[in-house]
C-alpha cells in the first residue's frame, strides 16, 4: 500500500508546446513536425476507411513502414516522404517561409487547414 501525499508535496512543471523538447530530445522540432504530419496522414487514412495495406499501396511504401510511421517511429522516413504521402492522399501542402520575428532562430510547424 502506497503512502498518501498531500497535494502540496507535488511539484508540477508547465511543459512547452513540444513534448519532445520537454523530454530532452536533440531533434525535438523535427520530431514534432513529423508527429504532426503522421497524425494528419493517420486521420486521412481513418476517414477514408483504408486498411493499412490499402494505404501503403496508395502511398508507395511497405505496410510495415507505414505501421511504424503511424505509431510514431519516424526513423528512415523524411519529412519530404511524409509530404509526398499527403499529396498521394489528395492533400495540397504549402510551404511558407517568413521572417522569424524577434527570435534569432526560426522554427517549423504544421498547420492543417
PDB file of N, CA and C in Angstrom:
ATOM      1  N   UNK A   1       0.848  -1.180   0.000  1.00  0.00           N
ATOM      2  CA  UNK A   1       0.000   0.000   0.000  1.00  0.00           C
ATOM      3  C   UNK A   1       0.885   1.232   0.000  1.00  0.00           C
ATOM      4  N   UNK A   2       0.643   2.179  -0.912  1.00  0.00           N
ATOM      5  CA  UNK A   2       1.466   3.377  -1.025  1.00  0.00           C
ATOM      6  C   UNK A   2       1.154   4.396   0.054  1.00  0.00           C
ATOM      7  N   UNK A   3       2.038   5.336   0.181  1.00  0.00           N
ATOM      8  CA  UNK A   3       1.816   6.396   1.162  1.00  0.00           C
ATOM      9  C   UNK A   3       1.026   7.511   0.520  1.00  0.00           C
ATOM     10  N   UNK A   4       0.235   8.155   1.345  1.00  0.00           N
ATOM     11  CA  UNK A   4      -0.555   9.283   0.850  1.00  0.00           C
ATOM     12  C   UNK A   4       0.297  10.536   0.891  1.00  0.00           C
ATOM     13  N   UNK A   5       0.168  11.347  -0.117  1.00  0.00           N
ATOM     14  CA  UNK A   5       0.907  12.609  -0.170  1.00  0.00           C
ATOM     15  C   UNK A   5      -0.068  13.754  -0.285  1.00  0.00           C
ATOM     16  N   UNK A   6       0.247  14.766   0.393  1.00  0.00           N
ATOM     17  CA  UNK A   6      -0.533  15.986   0.288  1.00  0.00           C
ATOM     18  C   UNK A   6      -0.248  16.622  -1.065  1.00  0.00           C
ATOM     19  N   UNK A   7      -1.214  17.221  -1.669  1.00  0.00           N
ATOM     20  CA  UNK A   7      -1.039  17.870  -2.975  1.00  0.00           C
ATOM     21  C   UNK A   7       0.070  18.910  -2.939  1.00  0.00           C
ATOM     22  N   UNK A   8       0.330  19.486  -1.776  1.00  0.00           N
ATOM     23  CA  UNK A   8       1.383  20.493  -1.656  1.00  0.00           C
ATOM     24  C   UNK A   8       2.772  19.894  -1.851  1.00  0.00           C
ATOM     25  N   UNK A   9       2.891  18.571  -1.744  1.00  0.00           N
ATOM     26  CA  UNK A   9       4.183  17.913  -1.904  1.00  0.00           C
ATOM     27  C   UNK A   9       4.523  17.627  -3.357  1.00  0.00           C
ATOM     28  N   UNK A  10       3.585  17.867  -4.241  1.00  0.00           N
ATOM     29  CA  UNK A  10       3.788  17.550  -5.646  1.00  0.00           C
ATOM     30  C   UNK A  10       4.260  18.791  -6.388  1.00  0.00           C
ATOM     31  N   UNK A  11       5.332  18.633  -7.150  1.00  0.00           N
ATOM     32  CA  UNK A  11       5.831  19.722  -7.975  1.00  0.00           C
ATOM     33  C   UNK A  11       5.287  19.535  -9.382  1.00  0.00           C
ATOM     34  N   UNK A  12       4.639  20.537  -9.887  1.00  0.00           N
ATOM     35  CA  UNK A  12       4.089  20.496 -11.234  1.00  0.00           C
ATOM     36  C   UNK A  12       4.859  21.491 -12.079  1.00  0.00           C
ATOM     37  N   UNK A  13       5.353  20.999 -13.200  1.00  0.00           N
ATOM     38  CA  UNK A  13       6.115  21.854 -14.100  1.00  0.00           C
ATOM     39  C   UNK A  13       5.335  22.042 -15.386  1.00  0.00           C
ATOM     40  N   UNK A  14       5.178  23.275 -15.803  1.00  0.00           N
ATOM     41  CA  UNK A  14       4.477  23.584 -17.048  1.00  0.00           C
ATOM     42  C   UNK A  14       5.346  23.167 -18.229  1.00  0.00           C
ATOM     43  N   UNK A  15       4.785  22.367 -19.121  1.00  0.00           N
ATOM     44  CA  UNK A  15       5.515  21.939 -20.303  1.00  0.00           C
ATOM     45  C   UNK A  15       5.430  22.978 -21.403  1.00  0.00           C
ATOM     46  N   UNK A  16       6.211  22.763 -22.442  1.00  0.00           N
ATOM     47  CA  UNK A  16       6.183  23.644 -23.611  1.00  0.00           C
ATOM     48  C   UNK A  16       5.158  23.100 -24.607  1.00  0.00           C
ATOM     49  N   UNK A  17       5.123  23.660 -25.784  1.00  0.00           N
ATOM     50  CA  UNK A  17       4.254  23.156 -26.843  1.00  0.00           C
ATOM     51  C   UNK A  17       4.855  21.938 -27.529  1.00  0.00           C
ATOM     52  N   UNK A  18       6.073  21.573 -27.151  1.00  0.00           N
ATOM     53  CA  UNK A  18       6.763  20.462 -27.792  1.00  0.00           C
ATOM     54  C   UNK A  18       7.166  19.424 -26.745  1.00  0.00           C
ATOM     55  N   UNK A  19       6.429  18.319 -26.677  1.00  0.00           N
ATOM     56  CA  UNK A  19       6.770  17.291 -25.685  1.00  0.00           C
ATOM     57  C   UNK A  19       8.144  16.674 -25.914  1.00  0.00           C
ATOM     58  N   UNK A  20       8.604  16.635 -27.162  1.00  0.00           N
ATOM     59  CA  UNK A  20       9.927  16.082 -27.447  1.00  0.00           C
ATOM     60  C   UNK A  20      11.014  16.960 -26.833  1.00  0.00           C
ATOM     61  N   UNK A  21      10.820  18.265 -26.873  1.00  0.00           N
ATOM     62  CA  UNK A  21      11.770  19.184 -26.233  1.00  0.00           C
ATOM     63  C   UNK A  21      11.720  18.999 -24.721  1.00  0.00           C
ATOM     64  N   UNK A  22      10.515  18.843 -24.184  1.00  0.00           N
ATOM     65  CA  UNK A  22      10.362  18.640 -22.749  1.00  0.00           C
ATOM     66  C   UNK A  22      11.091  17.381 -22.286  1.00  0.00           C
ATOM     67  N   UNK A  23      11.152  16.380 -23.168  1.00  0.00           N
ATOM     68  CA  UNK A  23      11.838  15.132 -22.837  1.00  0.00           C
ATOM     69  C   UNK A  23      13.330  15.175 -23.147  1.00  0.00           C
ATOM     70  N   UNK A  24      13.795  16.293 -23.709  1.00  0.00           N
ATOM     71  CA  UNK A  24      15.225  16.478 -23.927  1.00  0.00           C
ATOM     72  C   UNK A  24      15.780  15.937 -25.225  1.00  0.00           C
ATOM     73  N   UNK A  25      14.939  15.646 -26.205  1.00  0.00           N
ATOM     74  CA  UNK A  25      15.439  15.164 -27.491  1.00  0.00           C
ATOM     75  C   UNK A  25      16.161  16.271 -28.241  1.00  0.00           C
ATOM     76  N   UNK A  26      17.297  15.943 -28.825  1.00  0.00           N
ATOM     77  CA  UNK A  26      18.117  16.927 -29.544  1.00  0.00           C
ATOM     78  C   UNK A  26      17.403  17.438 -30.796  1.00  0.00           C
ATOM     79  N   UNK A  27      16.684  16.575 -31.484  1.00  0.00           N
ATOM     80  CA  UNK A  27      15.996  16.954 -32.724  1.00  0.00           C
ATOM     81  C   UNK A  27      14.485  17.099 -32.486  1.00  0.00           C
ATOM     82  N   UNK A  28      14.136  17.745 -31.388  1.00  0.00           N
ATOM     83  CA  UNK A  28      12.748  17.850 -30.947  1.00  0.00           C
ATOM     84  C   UNK A  28      11.853  18.548 -31.966  1.00  0.00           C
ATOM     85  N   UNK A  29      12.335  19.611 -32.589  1.00  0.00           N
ATOM     86  CA  UNK A  29      11.499  20.334 -33.557  1.00  0.00           C
ATOM     87  C   UNK A  29      11.153  19.451 -34.746  1.00  0.00           C
ATOM     88  N   UNK A  30      12.140  18.725 -35.263  1.00  0.00           N
ATOM     89  CA  UNK A  30      11.903  17.829 -36.397  1.00  0.00           C
ATOM     90  C   UNK A  30      10.935  16.714 -35.999  1.00  0.00           C
ATOM     91  N   UNK A  31      11.104  16.178 -34.809  1.00  0.00           N
ATOM     92  CA  UNK A  31      10.224  15.104 -34.354  1.00  0.00           C
ATOM     93  C   UNK A  31       8.774  15.588 -34.222  1.00  0.00           C
ATOM     94  N   UNK A  32       8.591  16.804 -33.726  1.00  0.00           N
ATOM     95  CA  UNK A  32       7.241  17.339 -33.589  1.00  0.00           C
ATOM     96  C   UNK A  32       6.588  17.530 -34.954  1.00  0.00           C
ATOM     97  N   UNK A  33       7.331  18.047 -35.919  1.00  0.00           N
ATOM     98  CA  UNK A  33       6.791  18.227 -37.267  1.00  0.00           C
ATOM     99  C   UNK A  33       6.388  16.872 -37.846  1.00  0.00           C
ATOM    100  N   UNK A  34       7.250  15.872 -37.711  1.00  0.00           N
ATOM    101  CA  UNK A  34       6.931  14.542 -38.232  1.00  0.00           C
ATOM    102  C   UNK A  34       5.715  13.956 -37.525  1.00  0.00           C
ATOM    103  N   UNK A  35       5.602  14.169 -36.226  1.00  0.00           N
ATOM    104  CA  UNK A  35       4.452  13.657 -35.479  1.00  0.00           C
ATOM    105  C   UNK A  35       3.162  14.303 -35.974  1.00  0.00           C
ATOM    106  N   UNK A  36       3.209  15.593 -36.244  1.00  0.00           N
ATOM    107  CA  UNK A  36       2.022  16.297 -36.738  1.00  0.00           C
ATOM    108  C   UNK A  36       1.653  15.825 -38.141  1.00  0.00           C
ATOM    109  N   UNK A  37       2.662  15.617 -38.999  1.00  0.00           N
ATOM    110  CA  UNK A  37       2.393  15.110 -40.345  1.00  0.00           C
ATOM    111  C   UNK A  37       1.820  13.698 -40.282  1.00  0.00           C
ATOM    112  N   UNK A  38       2.416  12.851 -39.447  1.00  0.00           N
ATOM    113  CA  UNK A  38       1.935  11.471 -39.299  1.00  0.00           C
ATOM    114  C   UNK A  38       0.506  11.450 -38.767  1.00  0.00           C
ATOM    115  N   UNK A  39       0.201  12.344 -37.855  1.00  0.00           N
ATOM    116  CA  UNK A  39      -1.150  12.414 -37.304  1.00  0.00           C
ATOM    117  C   UNK A  39      -2.161  12.758 -38.388  1.00  0.00           C
ATOM    118  N   UNK A  40      -1.803  13.677 -39.249  1.00  0.00           N
ATOM    119  CA  UNK A  40      -2.708  14.053 -40.341  1.00  0.00           C
ATOM    120  C   UNK A  40      -2.862  12.897 -41.329  1.00  0.00           C
ATOM    121  N   UNK A  41      -1.770  12.218 -41.637  1.00  0.00           N
ATOM    122  CA  UNK A  41      -1.835  11.053 -42.531  1.00  0.00           C
ATOM    123  C   UNK A  41      -2.758  10.000 -41.918  1.00  0.00           C
ATOM    124  N   UNK A  42      -2.595   9.725 -40.647  1.00  0.00           N
ATOM    125  CA  UNK A  42      -3.420   8.724 -39.964  1.00  0.00           C
ATOM    126  C   UNK A  42      -4.895   9.113 -39.998  1.00  0.00           C
ATOM    127  N   UNK A  43      -5.180  10.382 -39.787  1.00  0.00           N
ATOM    128  CA  UNK A  43      -6.576  10.847 -39.784  1.00  0.00           C
ATOM    129  C   UNK A  43      -7.215  10.675 -41.156  1.00  0.00           C
ATOM    130  N   UNK A  44      -6.463  10.977 -42.204  1.00  0.00           N
ATOM    131  CA  UNK A  44      -6.993  10.820 -43.570  1.00  0.00           C
ATOM    132  C   UNK A  44      -7.266   9.352 -43.858  1.00  0.00           C
ATOM    133  N   UNK A  45      -6.320   8.485 -43.487  1.00  0.00           N
ATOM    134  CA  UNK A  45      -6.489   7.045 -43.699  1.00  0.00           C
ATOM    135  C   UNK A  45      -7.735   6.553 -42.961  1.00  0.00           C
ATOM    136  N   UNK A  46      -7.907   7.003 -41.731  1.00  0.00           N
ATOM    137  CA  UNK A  46      -9.076   6.607 -40.931  1.00  0.00           C
ATOM    138  C   UNK A  46     -10.368   7.108 -41.563  1.00  0.00           C
ATOM    139  N   UNK A  47     -10.380   8.383 -41.964  1.00  0.00           N
ATOM    140  CA  UNK A  47     -11.589   8.972 -42.557  1.00  0.00           C
ATOM    141  C   UNK A  47     -11.983   8.296 -43.863  1.00  0.00           C
ATOM    142  N   UNK A  48     -10.981   7.786 -44.589  1.00  0.00           N
ATOM    143  CA  UNK A  48     -11.258   7.125 -45.871  1.00  0.00           C
ATOM    144  C   UNK A  48     -11.491   5.625 -45.696  1.00  0.00           C
ATOM    145  N   UNK A  49     -11.446   5.165 -44.452  1.00  0.00           N
ATOM    146  CA  UNK A  49     -11.674   3.750 -44.126  1.00  0.00           C
ATOM    147  C   UNK A  49     -10.742   2.825 -44.896  1.00  0.00           C
ATOM    148  N   UNK A  50      -9.478   3.236 -45.009  1.00  0.00           N
ATOM    149  CA  UNK A  50      -8.470   2.422 -45.689  1.00  0.00           C
ATOM    150  C   UNK A  50      -7.809   1.480 -44.697  1.00  0.00           C
ATOM    151  N   UNK A  51      -7.546   0.268 -45.142  1.00  0.00           N
ATOM    152  CA  UNK A  51      -6.707  -0.609 -44.329  1.00  0.00           C
ATOM    153  C   UNK A  51      -5.270  -0.126 -44.471  1.00  0.00           C
ATOM    154  N   UNK A  52      -4.411  -0.563 -43.565  1.00  0.00           N
ATOM    155  CA  UNK A  52      -3.003  -0.170 -43.700  1.00  0.00           C
ATOM    156  C   UNK A  52      -2.420  -0.696 -45.002  1.00  0.00           C
ATOM    157  N   UNK A  53      -2.817  -1.879 -45.427  1.00  0.00           N
ATOM    158  CA  UNK A  53      -2.296  -2.434 -46.679  1.00  0.00           C
ATOM    159  C   UNK A  53      -2.747  -1.589 -47.869  1.00  0.00           C
ATOM    160  N   UNK A  54      -4.016  -1.201 -47.888  1.00  0.00           N
ATOM    161  CA  UNK A  54      -4.520  -0.350 -48.974  1.00  0.00           C
ATOM    162  C   UNK A  54      -3.795   0.990 -48.975  1.00  0.00           C
ATOM    163  N   UNK A  55      -3.631   1.573 -47.798  1.00  0.00           N
ATOM    164  CA  UNK A  55      -2.954   2.868 -47.690  1.00  0.00           C
ATOM    165  C   UNK A  55      -1.500   2.756 -48.107  1.00  0.00           C
ATOM    166  N   UNK A  56      -0.838   1.695 -47.691  1.00  0.00           N
ATOM    167  CA  UNK A  56       0.571   1.510 -48.035  1.00  0.00           C
ATOM    168  C   UNK A  56       0.757   1.434 -49.547  1.00  0.00           C
ATOM    169  N   UNK A  57      -0.125   0.725 -50.221  1.00  0.00           N
ATOM    170  CA  UNK A  57      -0.048   0.629 -51.680  1.00  0.00           C
ATOM    171  C   UNK A  57      -0.259   2.001 -52.317  1.00  0.00           C
ATOM    172  N   UNK A  58      -1.236   2.740 -51.825  1.00  0.00           N
ATOM    173  CA  UNK A  58      -1.512   4.080 -52.330  1.00  0.00           C
ATOM    174  C   UNK A  58      -0.327   5.013 -52.101  1.00  0.00           C
ATOM    175  N   UNK A  59       0.340   4.858 -50.949  1.00  0.00           N
ATOM    176  CA  UNK A  59       1.441   5.739 -50.578  1.00  0.00           C
ATOM    177  C   UNK A  59       2.786   5.287 -51.130  1.00  0.00           C
ATOM    178  N   UNK A  60       2.838   4.100 -51.714  1.00  0.00           N
ATOM    179  CA  UNK A  60       4.084   3.612 -52.291  1.00  0.00           C
ATOM    180  C   UNK A  60       5.128   3.253 -51.243  1.00  0.00           C
ATOM    181  N   UNK A  61       4.671   2.650 -50.154  1.00  0.00           N
ATOM    182  CA  UNK A  61       5.606   2.235 -49.106  1.00  0.00           C
ATOM    183  C   UNK A  61       5.164   0.886 -48.560  1.00  0.00           C
ATOM    184  N   UNK A  62       6.103   0.120 -48.021  1.00  0.00           N
ATOM    185  CA  UNK A  62       5.728  -1.169 -47.425  1.00  0.00           C
ATOM    186  C   UNK A  62       4.802  -0.955 -46.220  1.00  0.00           C
ATOM    187  N   UNK A  63       3.847  -1.865 -46.044  1.00  0.00           N
ATOM    188  CA  UNK A  63       2.900  -1.744 -44.940  1.00  0.00           C
ATOM    189  C   UNK A  63       3.591  -1.682 -43.580  1.00  0.00           C
ATOM    190  N   UNK A  64       4.650  -2.475 -43.325  1.00  0.00           N
ATOM    191  CA  UNK A  64       5.302  -2.367 -42.015  1.00  0.00           C
ATOM    192  C   UNK A  64       5.897  -0.974 -41.761  1.00  0.00           C
ATOM    193  N   UNK A  65       6.407  -0.338 -42.820  1.00  0.00           N
ATOM    194  CA  UNK A  65       6.960   1.014 -42.687  1.00  0.00           C
ATOM    195  C   UNK A  65       5.853   2.012 -42.362  1.00  0.00           C
ATOM    196  N   UNK A  66       4.706   1.865 -43.017  1.00  0.00           N
ATOM    197  CA  UNK A  66       3.565   2.729 -42.732  1.00  0.00           C
ATOM    198  C   UNK A  66       3.113   2.528 -41.289  1.00  0.00           C
ATOM    199  N   UNK A  67       3.032   1.279 -40.865  1.00  0.00           N
ATOM    200  CA  UNK A  67       2.614   0.979 -39.497  1.00  0.00           C
ATOM    201  C   UNK A  67       3.537   1.647 -38.482  1.00  0.00           C
ATOM    202  N   UNK A  68       4.836   1.562 -38.722  1.00  0.00           N
ATOM    203  CA  UNK A  68       5.793   2.199 -37.814  1.00  0.00           C
ATOM    204  C   UNK A  68       5.587   3.717 -37.783  1.00  0.00           C
ATOM    205  N   UNK A  69       5.420   4.316 -38.952  1.00  0.00           N
ATOM    206  CA  UNK A  69       5.227   5.763 -39.018  1.00  0.00           C
ATOM    207  C   UNK A  69       3.980   6.169 -38.224  1.00  0.00           C
ATOM    208  N   UNK A  70       2.906   5.414 -38.378  1.00  0.00           N
ATOM    209  CA  UNK A  70       1.661   5.748 -37.695  1.00  0.00           C
ATOM    210  C   UNK A  70       1.768   5.536 -36.182  1.00  0.00           C
ATOM    211  N   UNK A  71       2.752   4.752 -35.745  1.00  0.00           N
ATOM    212  CA  UNK A  71       2.975   4.529 -34.312  1.00  0.00           C
ATOM    213  C   UNK A  71       4.075   5.434 -33.761  1.00  0.00           C
ATOM    214  N   UNK A  72       4.515   6.413 -34.567  1.00  0.00           N
ATOM    215  CA  UNK A  72       5.481   7.389 -34.075  1.00  0.00           C
ATOM    216  C   UNK A  72       6.933   7.004 -34.243  1.00  0.00           C
ATOM    217  N   UNK A  73       7.207   5.988 -35.017  1.00  0.00           N
ATOM    218  CA  UNK A  73       8.595   5.593 -35.290  1.00  0.00           C
ATOM    219  C   UNK A  73       8.968   6.138 -36.666  1.00  0.00           C
ATOM    220  N   UNK A  74       9.669   7.265 -36.651  1.00  0.00           N
ATOM    221  CA  UNK A  74       9.927   8.007 -37.886  1.00  0.00           C
ATOM    222  C   UNK A  74      11.293   7.751 -38.497  1.00  0.00           C
ATOM    223  N   UNK A  75      12.106   6.916 -37.865  1.00  0.00           N
ATOM    224  CA  UNK A  75      13.451   6.667 -38.377  1.00  0.00           C
ATOM    225  C   UNK A  75      13.369   6.166 -39.821  1.00  0.00           C
ATOM    226  N   UNK A  76      14.115   6.796 -40.682  1.00  0.00           N
ATOM    227  CA  UNK A  76      14.140   6.387 -42.083  1.00  0.00           C
ATOM    228  C   UNK A  76      13.007   6.964 -42.916  1.00  0.00           C
ATOM    229  N   UNK A  77      12.175   7.806 -42.326  1.00  0.00           N
ATOM    230  CA  UNK A  77      11.097   8.456 -43.075  1.00  0.00           C
ATOM    231  C   UNK A  77      11.324   9.965 -42.994  1.00  0.00           C
ATOM    232  N   UNK A  78      11.574  10.570 -44.121  1.00  0.00           N
ATOM    233  CA  UNK A  78      11.861  12.008 -44.148  1.00  0.00           C
ATOM    234  C   UNK A  78      10.569  12.818 -44.148  1.00  0.00           C
ATOM    235  N   UNK A  79      10.711  14.089 -43.818  1.00  0.00           N
ATOM    236  CA  UNK A  79       9.568  14.995 -43.916  1.00  0.00           C
ATOM    237  C   UNK A  79       9.091  15.064 -45.362  1.00  0.00           C
ATOM    238  N   UNK A  80      10.022  15.012 -46.305  1.00  0.00           N
ATOM    239  CA  UNK A  80       9.660  15.058 -47.724  1.00  0.00           C
ATOM    240  C   UNK A  80       8.791  13.854 -48.095  1.00  0.00           C
ATOM    241  N   UNK A  81       9.114  12.672 -47.581  1.00  0.00           N
ATOM    242  CA  UNK A  81       8.315  11.475 -47.861  1.00  0.00           C
ATOM    243  C   UNK A  81       6.927  11.620 -47.252  1.00  0.00           C
ATOM    244  N   UNK A  82       6.855  12.208 -46.068  1.00  0.00           N
ATOM    245  CA  UNK A  82       5.553  12.387 -45.426  1.00  0.00           C
ATOM    246  C   UNK A  82       4.705  13.386 -46.208  1.00  0.00           C
ATOM    247  N   UNK A  83       5.323  14.416 -46.735  1.00  0.00           N
ATOM    248  CA  UNK A  83       4.607  15.387 -47.576  1.00  0.00           C
ATOM    249  C   UNK A  83       4.127  14.707 -48.852  1.00  0.00           C
ATOM    250  N   UNK A  84       4.971  13.858 -49.426  1.00  0.00           N
ATOM    251  CA  UNK A  84       4.565  13.088 -50.606  1.00  0.00           C
ATOM    252  C   UNK A  84       3.353  12.208 -50.275  1.00  0.00           C
ATOM    253  N   UNK A  85       3.335  11.610 -49.104  1.00  0.00           N
ATOM    254  CA  UNK A  85       2.192  10.792 -48.677  1.00  0.00           C
ATOM    255  C   UNK A  85       0.923  11.637 -48.641  1.00  0.00           C
ATOM    256  N   UNK A  86       1.020  12.821 -48.085  1.00  0.00           N
ATOM    257  CA  UNK A  86      -0.147  13.711 -48.027  1.00  0.00           C
ATOM    258  C   UNK A  86      -0.628  14.065 -49.432  1.00  0.00           C
ATOM    259  N   UNK A  87       0.311  14.317 -50.347  1.00  0.00           N
ATOM    260  CA  UNK A  87      -0.061  14.603 -51.731  1.00  0.00           C
ATOM    261  C   UNK A  87      -0.798  13.412 -52.344  1.00  0.00           C
ATOM    262  N   UNK A  88      -0.287  12.204 -52.110  1.00  0.00           N
ATOM    263  CA  UNK A  88      -0.915  10.997 -52.653  1.00  0.00           C
ATOM    264  C   UNK A  88      -2.296  10.761 -52.045  1.00  0.00           C
ATOM    265  N   UNK A  89      -2.505  11.299 -50.851  1.00  0.00           N
ATOM    266  CA  UNK A  89      -3.808  11.189 -50.193  1.00  0.00           C
ATOM    267  C   UNK A  89      -4.739  12.346 -50.578  1.00  0.00           C
ATOM    268  N   UNK A  90      -4.324  13.112 -51.592  1.00  0.00           N
ATOM    269  CA  UNK A  90      -5.185  14.166 -52.121  1.00  0.00           C
ATOM    270  C   UNK A  90      -5.106  15.489 -51.385  1.00  0.00           C
ATOM    271  N   UNK A  91      -3.993  15.732 -50.731  1.00  0.00           N
ATOM    272  CA  UNK A  91      -3.831  16.989 -50.000  1.00  0.00           C
ATOM    273  C   UNK A  91      -2.762  17.842 -50.657  1.00  0.00           C
ATOM    274  N   UNK A  92      -3.046  19.144 -50.761  1.00  0.00           N
ATOM    275  CA  UNK A  92      -2.031  20.105 -51.172  1.00  0.00           C
ATOM    276  C   UNK A  92      -1.244  20.474 -49.920  1.00  0.00           C
ATOM    277  N   UNK A  93       0.044  20.617 -50.075  1.00  0.00           N
ATOM    278  CA  UNK A  93       0.898  21.039 -48.967  1.00  0.00           C
ATOM    279  C   UNK A  93       1.601  22.306 -49.401  1.00  0.00           C
ATOM    280  N   UNK A  94       1.424  23.371 -48.641  1.00  0.00           N
ATOM    281  CA  UNK A  94       2.075  24.640 -48.927  1.00  0.00           C
ATOM    282  C   UNK A  94       3.184  24.863 -47.914  1.00  0.00           C
ATOM    283  N   UNK A  95       4.317  25.311 -48.386  1.00  0.00           N
ATOM    284  CA  UNK A  95       5.432  25.644 -47.511  1.00  0.00           C
ATOM    285  C   UNK A  95       5.590  27.156 -47.554  1.00  0.00           C
ATOM    286  N   UNK A  96       5.469  27.774 -46.400  1.00  0.00           N
ATOM    287  CA  UNK A  96       5.555  29.228 -46.299  1.00  0.00           C
ATOM    288  C   UNK A  96       6.811  29.573 -45.509  1.00  0.00           C
ATOM    289  N   UNK A  97       7.636  30.429 -46.070  1.00  0.00           N
ATOM    290  CA  UNK A  97       8.848  30.879 -45.388  1.00  0.00           C
ATOM    291  C   UNK A  97       8.646  32.338 -45.022  1.00  0.00           C
ATOM    292  N   UNK A  98       8.821  32.639 -43.731  1.00  0.00           N
ATOM    293  CA  UNK A  98       8.662  34.017 -43.286  1.00  0.00           C
ATOM    294  C   UNK A  98       9.714  34.337 -42.235  1.00  0.00           C
ATOM    295  N   UNK A  99       9.909  35.601 -42.010  1.00  0.00           N
ATOM    296  CA  UNK A  99      10.883  36.054 -41.029  1.00  0.00           C
ATOM    297  C   UNK A  99      10.488  35.557 -39.641  1.00  0.00           C
ATOM    298  N   UNK A 100      11.479  35.176 -38.837  1.00  0.00           N
ATOM    299  CA  UNK A 100      11.231  34.586 -37.522  1.00  0.00           C
ATOM    300  C   UNK A 100      10.760  35.602 -36.494  1.00  0.00           C
ATOM    301  N   UNK A 101      10.742  36.848 -36.808  1.00  0.00           N
ATOM    302  CA  UNK A 101      10.312  37.856 -35.838  1.00  0.00           C
ATOM    303  C   UNK A 101      11.433  38.166 -34.867  1.00  0.00           C
ATOM    304  N   UNK A 102      11.122  38.187 -33.591  1.00  0.00           N
ATOM    305  CA  UNK A 102      12.115  38.539 -32.576  1.00  0.00           C
ATOM    306  C   UNK A 102      13.106  37.414 -32.295  1.00  0.00           C
ATOM    307  N   UNK A 103      12.726  36.204 -32.651  1.00  0.00           N
ATOM    308  CA  UNK A 103      13.622  35.069 -32.399  1.00  0.00           C
ATOM    309  C   UNK A 103      14.801  35.106 -33.366  1.00  0.00           C
ATOM    310  N   UNK A 104      15.972  34.746 -32.873  1.00  0.00           N
ATOM    311  CA  UNK A 104      17.151  34.676 -33.725  1.00  0.00           C
ATOM    312  C   UNK A 104      17.099  33.454 -34.631  1.00  0.00           C
ATOM    313  N   UNK A 105      16.448  32.387 -34.146  1.00  0.00           N
ATOM    314  CA  UNK A 105      16.351  31.152 -34.909  1.00  0.00           C
ATOM    315  C   UNK A 105      14.874  30.857 -35.155  1.00  0.00           C
ATOM    316  N   UNK A 106      14.545  30.551 -36.385  1.00  0.00           N
ATOM    317  CA  UNK A 106      13.160  30.238 -36.719  1.00  0.00           C
ATOM    318  C   UNK A 106      12.820  28.797 -36.353  1.00  0.00           C
ATOM    319  N   UNK A 107      11.589  28.413 -36.578  1.00  0.00           N
ATOM    320  CA  UNK A 107      11.174  27.045 -36.323  1.00  0.00           C
ATOM    321  C   UNK A 107      10.135  26.637 -37.365  1.00  0.00           C
ATOM    322  N   UNK A 108       9.877  25.344 -37.440  1.00  0.00           N
ATOM    323  CA  UNK A 108       8.933  24.794 -38.390  1.00  0.00           C
ATOM    324  C   UNK A 108       7.743  24.236 -37.632  1.00  0.00           C
ATOM    325  N   UNK A 109       6.557  24.505 -38.115  1.00  0.00           N
ATOM    326  CA  UNK A 109       5.371  23.906 -37.517  1.00  0.00           C
ATOM    327  C   UNK A 109       4.360  23.576 -38.597  1.00  0.00           C
ATOM    328  N   UNK A 110       3.421  22.709 -38.269  1.00  0.00           N
ATOM    329  CA  UNK A 110       2.419  22.245 -39.210  1.00  0.00           C
ATOM    330  C   UNK A 110       1.085  22.881 -38.865  1.00  0.00           C
ATOM    331  N   UNK A 111       0.431  23.424 -39.882  1.00  0.00           N
ATOM    332  CA  UNK A 111      -0.906  23.983 -39.731  1.00  0.00           C
ATOM    333  C   UNK A 111      -1.795  23.250 -40.701  1.00  0.00           C
ATOM    334  N   UNK A 112      -2.846  22.624 -40.204  1.00  0.00           N
ATOM    335  CA  UNK A 112      -3.774  21.902 -41.063  1.00  0.00           C
ATOM    336  C   UNK A 112      -4.998  22.791 -41.285  1.00  0.00           C
ATOM    337  N   UNK A 113      -5.294  23.021 -42.550  1.00  0.00           N
ATOM    338  CA  UNK A 113      -6.418  23.905 -42.881  1.00  0.00           C
ATOM    339  C   UNK A 113      -7.609  23.108 -43.346  1.00  0.00           C
TER     340      UNK A 113
END
